[in-house]
Amino acid sequence: MSRIIALLTLFIPGIFAVIGIKLMRDALFNIVHPIFFHLFIQFAAGLIIFLLGLAFIGGFMVHRDRKKNKIQRKR
């Protein structure tokens, strides 16, 4: 059961990261979504969403590895 919860914990931020990549790609190909009124705002929102999803996944992995003593703590 805990593995399923961990998988969902990583799956949801992964979806957000994919949405961020899609928004940035659409901004590069001049496809404006109705929510955004300018391409730069769409690209910036996509970049922020991507970085937040990536940071959450990275932080989750570092936390898990530190908990299992696979990496050393900073001194």
Protein backbone atom coordinates (compact mmCIF):
# COMPACT_ATOMS: atom_id res chain seq x y z
CA MET A 1 0.00 0.00 0.00
CA SER A 2 2.82 2.40 0.82
CA ARG A 3 4.38 1.82 -2.60
CA ILE A 4 1.15 2.85 -4.31
CA ILE A 5 1.00 6.03 -2.25
CA ALA A 6 4.65 6.78 -3.09
CA LEU A 7 3.95 6.17 -6.78
CA LEU A 8 0.99 8.56 -6.73
CA THR A 9 3.07 11.10 -4.82
CA LEU A 10 5.56 11.10 -7.69
CA PHE A 11 3.02 10.72 -10.49
CA ILE A 12 1.01 13.89 -9.79
CA PRO A 13 4.00 16.32 -9.78
CA GLY A 14 5.26 14.49 -12.86
CA ILE A 15 2.02 15.35 -14.64
CA PHE A 16 2.48 19.01 -13.63
CA ALA A 17 6.02 18.96 -15.05
CA VAL A 18 4.69 17.56 -18.33
CA ILE A 19 2.02 20.27 -18.48
CA GLY A 20 4.74 22.89 -17.91
CA ILE A 21 6.82 21.47 -20.77
CA LYS A 22 3.74 21.52 -23.03
CA LEU A 23 3.01 25.17 -22.18
CA MET A 24 6.62 26.16 -22.95
CA ARG A 25 6.59 24.20 -26.22
CA ASP A 26 3.30 25.78 -27.28
CA ALA A 27 4.71 29.22 -26.52
CA LEU A 28 7.71 28.52 -28.75
CA PHE A 29 5.40 27.48 -31.61
CA ASN A 30 3.13 30.55 -31.14
CA ILE A 31 0.11 28.63 -29.81
CA VAL A 32 -1.58 30.81 -27.20
CA HIS A 33 -4.01 29.17 -24.79
CA PRO A 34 -7.10 31.20 -23.86
CA ILE A 35 -6.00 31.50 -20.21
CA PHE A 36 -2.85 33.41 -21.13
CA PHE A 37 -2.98 36.69 -23.04
CA HIS A 38 0.68 36.80 -24.07
CA LEU A 39 3.25 34.23 -25.14
CA PHE A 40 5.85 35.32 -22.60
CA ILE A 41 3.41 34.87 -19.72
CA GLN A 42 2.50 31.42 -21.01
CA PHE A 43 6.18 30.46 -21.29
CA ALA A 44 6.97 31.81 -17.80
CA ALA A 45 4.01 29.96 -16.28
CA GLY A 46 5.11 26.75 -18.00
CA LEU A 47 8.66 27.19 -16.74
CA ILE A 48 7.48 27.77 -13.17
CA ILE A 49 5.13 24.76 -13.26
CA PHE A 50 7.90 22.57 -14.71
CA LEU A 51 10.45 23.66 -12.12
CA LEU A 52 8.03 23.13 -9.23
CA GLY A 53 7.19 19.61 -10.40
CA LEU A 54 10.84 18.76 -10.95
CA ALA A 55 11.87 20.20 -7.56
CA PHE A 56 9.19 18.18 -5.77
CA ILE A 57 10.29 14.94 -7.43
CA GLY A 58 13.96 15.66 -6.71
CA GLY A 59 13.26 16.60 -3.09
CA PHE A 60 11.20 13.45 -2.60
CA MET A 61 14.04 11.28 -3.90
CA VAL A 62 16.69 13.00 -1.79
CA HIS A 63 14.49 12.70 1.31
CA ARG A 64 13.91 9.00 0.64
CA ASP A 65 17.60 8.30 0.04
CA ARG A 66 18.66 10.17 3.19
CA LYS A 67 16.09 8.22 5.19
CA LYS A 68 17.57 4.93 3.94
CA ASN A 69 21.16 6.17 4.52
CA LYS A 70 22.08 5.91 0.85
CA ILE A 71 23.61 9.39 0.78
CA GLN A 72 25.58 11.20 3.42
CA ARG A 73 24.23 14.21 5.26
CA LYS A 74 26.00 17.55 4.97
CA ARG A 75 28.36 18.32 7.81
